[in-house]
Amino acid sequence: MFRNQYDTDVTTWSPAGRLFQVEYAMEAVKQGSAAIGLRSKSHVVLACVNKANSELSSHQKKIFKVDDHIGVAIAGLTADGRVLSRYMRTECINYSFNYESPLPVGRLVVQLADKAQVCTQRSWKRPYGVGLLVGGTDESGAHLYYNCPSGNYFEYQAFAIGSRSQAAKTYLERRFENFSDSSRDDLIKDALIAVRETLQGETLKSSICTVAVLGVDEAFHILDQETVQKLIDAFEIVVETEAAAAEPDAAAEPDAAAEGGATGDEGAAAAADEGAAPMEI
């Protein structure tokens, strides 16, 4: 990456008003494995891609439990994600001990954003190179937040971060209007389809993805691989059924084209070619 005299210190502004160290940390988030979050009025679903670096190693954990009502999915530097998730866990324990009630999700996200922002104004610190999707429930319902290495945070209906996340965002943007009233199973289905969009044609399997669910009446938990694989198989069956239903319509088009072109030999040949083209593809 191109270096200049303004990117050696996180506290040095460039003439264009940019902090390059912070932008580098945000680039680390884009290079990490994809993480996806969706929420309805009562549930939050977190999903991520967890590929291993080699066949001899296991994958790194990308989804962490913070409390019974809060979970987090990360993209970027996993070590920083573990540190921040441990900080969030400590804050939840302290709040519960002092006030005997669960920590509101919004307050925890603000504390996390403040902790990340301090690293952008201290010359002896570096920004956290990890993005966090924080999902949780409280008295006001279900929430999904994205915490940026710059210290900014945003609340979303659905969001995706990490490598090749734009494909997942495109899918979520087409579907997000239905998420508020979606059921738990529909949210999981949309999350898995969004994960599949980030794989670029690779087969979706339970071994390369992790799914976690929490709800107003459901504590945070990570679904086991068998359950995830059953859901994936069920969605593949739906896709095959839709494709099979579309085949009779495609088969009817050549017949209609042949009848319409019966008045001339050249017209019949052209219609037959048009009907045969989709079958060849």
Protein backbone atom coordinates (compact mmCIF):
# COMPACT_ATOMS: atom_id res chain seq x y z
CA MET A 1 0.00 0.00 0.00
CA PHE A 2 1.24 3.51 -0.81
CA ARG A 3 2.89 5.17 2.15
CA ASN A 4 3.26 8.86 2.89
CA GLN A 5 4.31 11.11 5.74
CA TYR A 6 0.80 11.25 7.22
CA ASP A 7 0.17 7.56 7.94
CA THR A 8 2.90 6.86 10.51
CA ASP A 9 0.85 8.15 13.45
CA VAL A 10 -2.83 7.75 14.16
CA THR A 11 -3.06 11.30 15.55
CA THR A 12 -1.65 13.02 12.45
CA TRP A 13 -4.19 14.48 10.05
CA SER A 14 -3.49 14.64 6.34
CA PRO A 15 -4.12 17.91 4.44
CA ALA A 16 -7.29 16.28 3.09
CA GLY A 17 -8.59 15.78 6.65
CA ARG A 18 -8.05 12.01 6.83
CA LEU A 19 -6.61 9.68 9.44
CA PHE A 20 -4.91 6.99 7.41
CA GLN A 21 -4.32 4.60 10.31
CA VAL A 22 -8.05 4.52 10.96
CA GLU A 23 -8.73 3.86 7.29
CA TYR A 24 -6.21 1.02 7.34
CA ALA A 25 -8.07 -0.51 10.30
CA MET A 26 -11.33 -0.25 8.36
CA GLU A 27 -9.60 -1.96 5.43
CA ALA A 28 -8.69 -4.85 7.76
CA VAL A 29 -12.42 -5.31 8.41
CA LYS A 30 -13.06 -5.55 4.67
CA GLN A 31 -10.40 -8.27 4.35
CA GLY A 32 -11.88 -10.45 7.12
CA SER A 33 -14.35 -13.29 6.73
CA ALA A 34 -17.91 -12.19 6.08
CA ALA A 35 -20.28 -11.64 9.01
CA ILE A 36 -24.02 -11.00 8.64
CA GLY A 37 -26.71 -9.81 11.03
CA LEU A 38 -30.49 -9.56 10.69
CA ARG A 39 -33.20 -8.58 13.14
CA SER A 40 -36.96 -8.67 13.41
CA LYS A 41 -39.15 -7.21 16.13
CA SER A 42 -38.38 -10.12 18.44
CA HIS A 43 -35.29 -11.99 17.17
CA VAL A 44 -31.74 -11.37 16.00
CA VAL A 45 -29.74 -13.78 13.83
CA LEU A 46 -25.97 -13.59 13.43
CA ALA A 47 -24.12 -15.65 10.81
CA CYS A 48 -20.52 -15.76 9.63
CA VAL A 49 -18.13 -17.63 7.36
CA ASN A 50 -15.48 -19.55 9.31
CA LYS A 51 -13.09 -21.10 6.84
CA ALA A 52 -9.83 -22.59 8.13
CA ASN A 53 -6.54 -21.17 6.86
CA SER A 54 -5.29 -24.67 6.02
CA GLU A 55 -6.46 -28.25 6.08
CA LEU A 56 -4.31 -28.91 9.15
CA SER A 57 -5.89 -26.20 11.30
CA SER A 58 -9.32 -25.46 12.71
CA HIS A 59 -11.21 -22.27 12.02
CA GLN A 60 -11.16 -19.28 14.35
CA LYS A 61 -14.29 -18.47 16.29
CA LYS A 62 -16.12 -15.46 14.87
CA ILE A 63 -19.29 -15.32 17.01
CA PHE A 64 -19.11 -14.74 20.76
CA LYS A 65 -21.66 -14.79 23.54
CA VAL A 66 -21.59 -11.62 25.63
CA ASP A 67 -24.64 -12.27 27.82
CA ASP A 68 -27.88 -14.19 27.59
CA HIS A 69 -29.41 -11.25 25.73
CA ILE A 70 -26.39 -10.05 23.71
CA GLY A 71 -24.12 -11.67 21.12
CA VAL A 72 -21.50 -10.37 18.73
CA ALA A 73 -20.14 -11.39 15.31
CA ILE A 74 -16.79 -10.03 14.15
CA ALA A 75 -14.90 -9.46 10.91
CA GLY A 76 -11.26 -8.48 10.79
CA LEU A 77 -8.48 -9.16 13.29
CA THR A 78 -9.82 -11.95 15.49
CA ALA A 79 -7.48 -11.15 18.39
CA ASP A 80 -8.93 -7.65 18.69
CA GLY A 81 -12.41 -9.14 18.50
CA ARG A 82 -11.70 -11.42 21.46
CA VAL A 83 -10.40 -8.50 23.52
CA LEU A 84 -13.45 -6.36 22.82
CA SER A 85 -15.90 -9.21 23.42
CA ARG A 86 -14.25 -9.87 26.79
CA TYR A 87 -14.59 -6.17 27.63
CA MET A 88 -18.28 -6.29 26.72
CA ARG A 89 -18.77 -9.39 28.83
CA THR A 90 -17.17 -7.68 31.83
CA GLU A 91 -19.39 -4.62 31.44
CA CYS A 92 -22.50 -6.80 31.36
CA ILE A 93 -21.45 -8.67 34.51
CA ASN A 94 -20.67 -5.45 36.39
CA TYR A 95 -23.96 -3.83 35.40
CA SER A 96 -25.93 -6.93 36.37
CA PHE A 97 -24.15 -7.09 39.75
CA ASN A 98 -24.77 -3.42 40.55
CA TYR A 99 -28.30 -2.98 39.23
CA GLU A 100 -29.63 -6.57 39.17
CA SER A 101 -30.92 -6.11 35.63
CA PRO A 102 -29.49 -6.79 32.16
CA LEU A 103 -27.42 -4.08 30.52
CA PRO A 104 -29.35 -2.25 27.74
CA VAL A 105 -27.88 -2.97 24.32
CA GLY A 106 -27.63 0.66 23.28
CA ARG A 107 -25.66 1.63 26.38
CA LEU A 108 -23.17 -1.18 25.84
CA VAL A 109 -22.67 -0.17 22.22
CA VAL A 110 -21.95 3.43 23.24
CA GLN A 111 -19.35 2.25 25.76
CA LEU A 112 -17.75 0.05 23.10
CA ALA A 113 -17.66 2.93 20.62
CA ASP A 114 -16.04 5.19 23.21
CA LYS A 115 -13.37 2.58 23.87
CA ALA A 116 -12.62 2.32 20.14
CA GLN A 117 -12.55 6.09 19.70
CA VAL A 118 -9.88 6.56 22.38
CA CYS A 119 -7.50 4.58 20.16
CA THR A 120 -7.82 7.24 17.46
CA GLN A 121 -6.50 10.08 19.67
CA ARG A 122 -3.57 8.46 21.48
CA SER A 123 -0.20 8.31 19.74
CA TRP A 124 0.83 5.17 21.66
CA LYS A 125 -2.31 3.23 20.66
CA ARG A 126 -3.56 1.82 17.37
CA PRO A 127 -7.19 1.45 16.23
CA TYR A 128 -8.84 -1.91 16.72
CA GLY A 129 -8.76 -3.68 13.37
CA VAL A 130 -12.12 -5.37 13.77
CA GLY A 131 -15.74 -4.58 13.00
CA LEU A 132 -18.45 -5.88 15.32
CA LEU A 133 -22.08 -6.69 14.66
CA VAL A 134 -23.73 -6.48 18.08
CA GLY A 135 -27.15 -8.10 18.35
CA GLY A 136 -29.28 -8.03 21.45
CA THR A 137 -32.69 -7.67 23.03
CA ASP A 138 -33.95 -5.43 25.82
CA GLU A 139 -37.19 -3.83 26.97
CA SER A 140 -37.56 -1.97 23.66
CA GLY A 141 -37.20 -5.10 21.51
CA ALA A 142 -34.46 -6.51 19.29
CA HIS A 143 -31.50 -4.43 18.12
CA LEU A 144 -28.60 -4.81 15.70
CA TYR A 145 -25.63 -2.42 15.77
CA TYR A 146 -22.44 -2.13 13.77
CA ASN A 147 -19.35 -0.79 15.58
CA CYS A 148 -16.64 0.65 13.34
CA PRO A 149 -12.89 0.91 14.18
CA SER A 150 -13.26 4.69 13.91
CA GLY A 151 -15.53 4.77 16.97
CA ASN A 152 -18.74 5.28 14.99
CA TYR A 153 -21.72 3.02 15.52
CA PHE A 154 -24.94 2.56 13.55
CA GLU A 155 -28.14 0.65 14.12
CA TYR A 156 -29.35 -1.51 11.24
CA GLN A 157 -32.24 -3.70 10.25
CA ALA A 158 -29.74 -5.97 8.50
CA PHE A 159 -26.08 -5.58 7.63
CA ALA A 160 -23.05 -7.46 6.33
CA ILE A 161 -19.34 -6.81 6.81
CA GLY A 162 -16.15 -8.50 5.71
CA SER A 163 -14.85 -9.98 2.49
CA ARG A 164 -17.30 -10.06 -0.44
CA SER A 165 -20.02 -8.63 1.80
CA GLN A 166 -21.40 -6.45 -1.01
CA ALA A 167 -23.17 -9.45 -2.55
CA ALA A 168 -24.87 -10.15 0.79
CA LYS A 169 -25.80 -6.47 1.17
CA THR A 170 -27.45 -6.53 -2.26
CA TYR A 171 -29.59 -9.49 -1.22
CA LEU A 172 -30.46 -7.93 2.16
CA GLU A 173 -31.42 -4.62 0.53
CA ARG A 174 -33.97 -6.45 -1.61
CA ARG A 175 -35.48 -8.22 1.39
CA PHE A 176 -35.07 -5.91 4.40
CA GLU A 177 -38.64 -4.54 4.29
CA ASN A 178 -39.93 -8.01 5.25
CA PHE A 179 -37.54 -8.57 8.14
CA SER A 180 -39.55 -6.68 10.80
CA ASP A 181 -42.41 -9.17 10.63
CA SER A 182 -40.31 -12.24 9.78
CA SER A 183 -40.40 -15.34 11.92
CA ARG A 184 -37.35 -16.91 13.53
CA ASP A 185 -36.98 -19.55 10.81
CA ASP A 186 -37.39 -17.02 8.01
CA LEU A 187 -34.59 -14.89 9.49
CA ILE A 188 -32.30 -17.91 9.66
CA LYS A 189 -33.14 -18.77 6.05
CA ASP A 190 -32.36 -15.25 4.85
CA ALA A 191 -29.11 -15.24 6.85
CA LEU A 192 -27.96 -18.50 5.26
CA ILE A 193 -28.85 -17.30 1.77
CA ALA A 194 -26.90 -14.09 2.42
CA VAL A 195 -23.91 -16.16 3.54
CA ARG A 196 -24.19 -18.21 0.36
CA GLU A 197 -24.04 -15.00 -1.68
CA THR A 198 -20.58 -14.24 -0.24
CA LEU A 199 -19.14 -17.63 -1.27
CA GLN A 200 -19.09 -16.84 -5.02
CA GLY A 201 -20.47 -20.13 -6.26
CA GLU A 202 -18.97 -22.34 -3.56
CA THR A 203 -21.33 -24.87 -2.00
CA LEU A 204 -22.74 -23.75 1.34
CA LYS A 205 -22.10 -26.31 4.10
CA SER A 206 -22.49 -26.22 7.85
CA SER A 207 -18.74 -26.78 8.24
CA ILE A 208 -17.89 -23.35 6.80
CA CYS A 209 -20.55 -21.23 8.49
CA THR A 210 -21.82 -20.50 11.99
CA VAL A 211 -25.30 -19.29 12.92
CA ALA A 212 -26.41 -17.86 16.26
CA VAL A 213 -29.93 -16.86 17.37
CA LEU A 214 -31.35 -14.83 20.23
CA GLY A 215 -34.81 -13.49 20.92
CA VAL A 216 -37.01 -11.78 23.45
CA ASP A 217 -37.92 -15.16 24.96
CA GLU A 218 -34.84 -17.03 23.71
CA ALA A 219 -31.35 -16.77 25.21
CA PHE A 220 -28.37 -16.36 22.90
CA HIS A 221 -27.10 -19.67 21.56
CA ILE A 222 -25.14 -20.98 18.58
CA LEU A 223 -26.87 -23.59 16.44
CA ASP A 224 -25.06 -26.91 16.14
CA GLN A 225 -23.78 -28.08 12.77
CA GLU A 226 -26.42 -30.79 12.34
CA THR A 227 -29.26 -28.29 12.74
CA VAL A 228 -27.62 -25.83 10.34
CA GLN A 229 -27.03 -28.55 7.74
CA LYS A 230 -30.69 -29.65 7.94
CA LEU A 231 -31.78 -26.07 7.32
CA ILE A 232 -29.37 -25.75 4.40
CA ASP A 233 -30.67 -28.99 2.87
CA ALA A 234 -34.26 -27.80 3.26
CA PHE A 235 -33.48 -24.54 1.45
CA GLU A 236 -31.72 -26.43 -1.37
CA ILE A 237 -34.87 -28.54 -1.81
CA VAL A 238 -36.93 -25.37 -2.13
CA VAL A 239 -34.59 -24.10 -4.83
CA GLU A 240 -34.80 -27.39 -6.73
CA THR A 241 -38.59 -27.39 -6.45
CA GLU A 242 -38.81 -23.86 -7.85
CA ALA A 243 -36.50 -24.83 -10.73
CA ALA A 244 -38.62 -27.91 -11.49
CA ALA A 245 -41.79 -25.81 -11.50
CA ALA A 246 -40.21 -23.43 -13.99
CA GLU A 247 -39.33 -26.24 -16.45
CA PRO A 248 -42.90 -26.84 -17.74
CA ASP A 249 -43.21 -23.14 -18.57
CA ALA A 250 -39.93 -23.25 -20.47
CA ALA A 251 -41.06 -26.38 -22.33
CA ALA A 252 -44.32 -24.70 -23.39
CA GLU A 253 -42.51 -21.82 -25.11
CA PRO A 254 -41.12 -23.89 -28.05
CA ASP A 255 -44.58 -25.35 -28.78
CA ALA A 256 -46.17 -21.92 -28.88
CA ALA A 257 -43.38 -20.62 -31.09
CA ALA A 258 -43.82 -23.54 -33.51
CA GLU A 259 -47.58 -22.93 -33.83
CA GLY A 260 -47.08 -19.23 -34.43
CA GLY A 261 -44.55 -19.88 -37.21
CA ALA A 262 -46.53 -22.52 -39.11
CA THR A 263 -47.37 -20.05 -41.93
CA GLY A 264 -43.82 -20.16 -43.38
CA ASP A 265 -40.82 -22.49 -43.36
CA GLU A 266 -38.37 -19.71 -42.47
CA GLY A 267 -40.57 -18.45 -39.60
CA ALA A 268 -40.91 -22.00 -38.23
CA ALA A 269 -37.15 -22.50 -38.30
CA ALA A 270 -36.53 -19.20 -36.50
CA ALA A 271 -39.12 -20.02 -33.84
CA ALA A 272 -37.61 -23.47 -33.31
CA ASP A 273 -34.17 -21.91 -32.81
CA GLU A 274 -35.52 -19.48 -30.25
CA GLY A 275 -37.18 -22.30 -28.33
CA ALA A 276 -34.04 -24.45 -28.39
CA ALA A 277 -31.64 -21.80 -27.13
CA PRO A 278 -32.64 -21.94 -23.43
CA MET A 279 -32.35 -25.74 -23.42
CA GLU A 280 -28.79 -25.56 -24.77
CA ILE A 281 -27.74 -23.11 -22.06
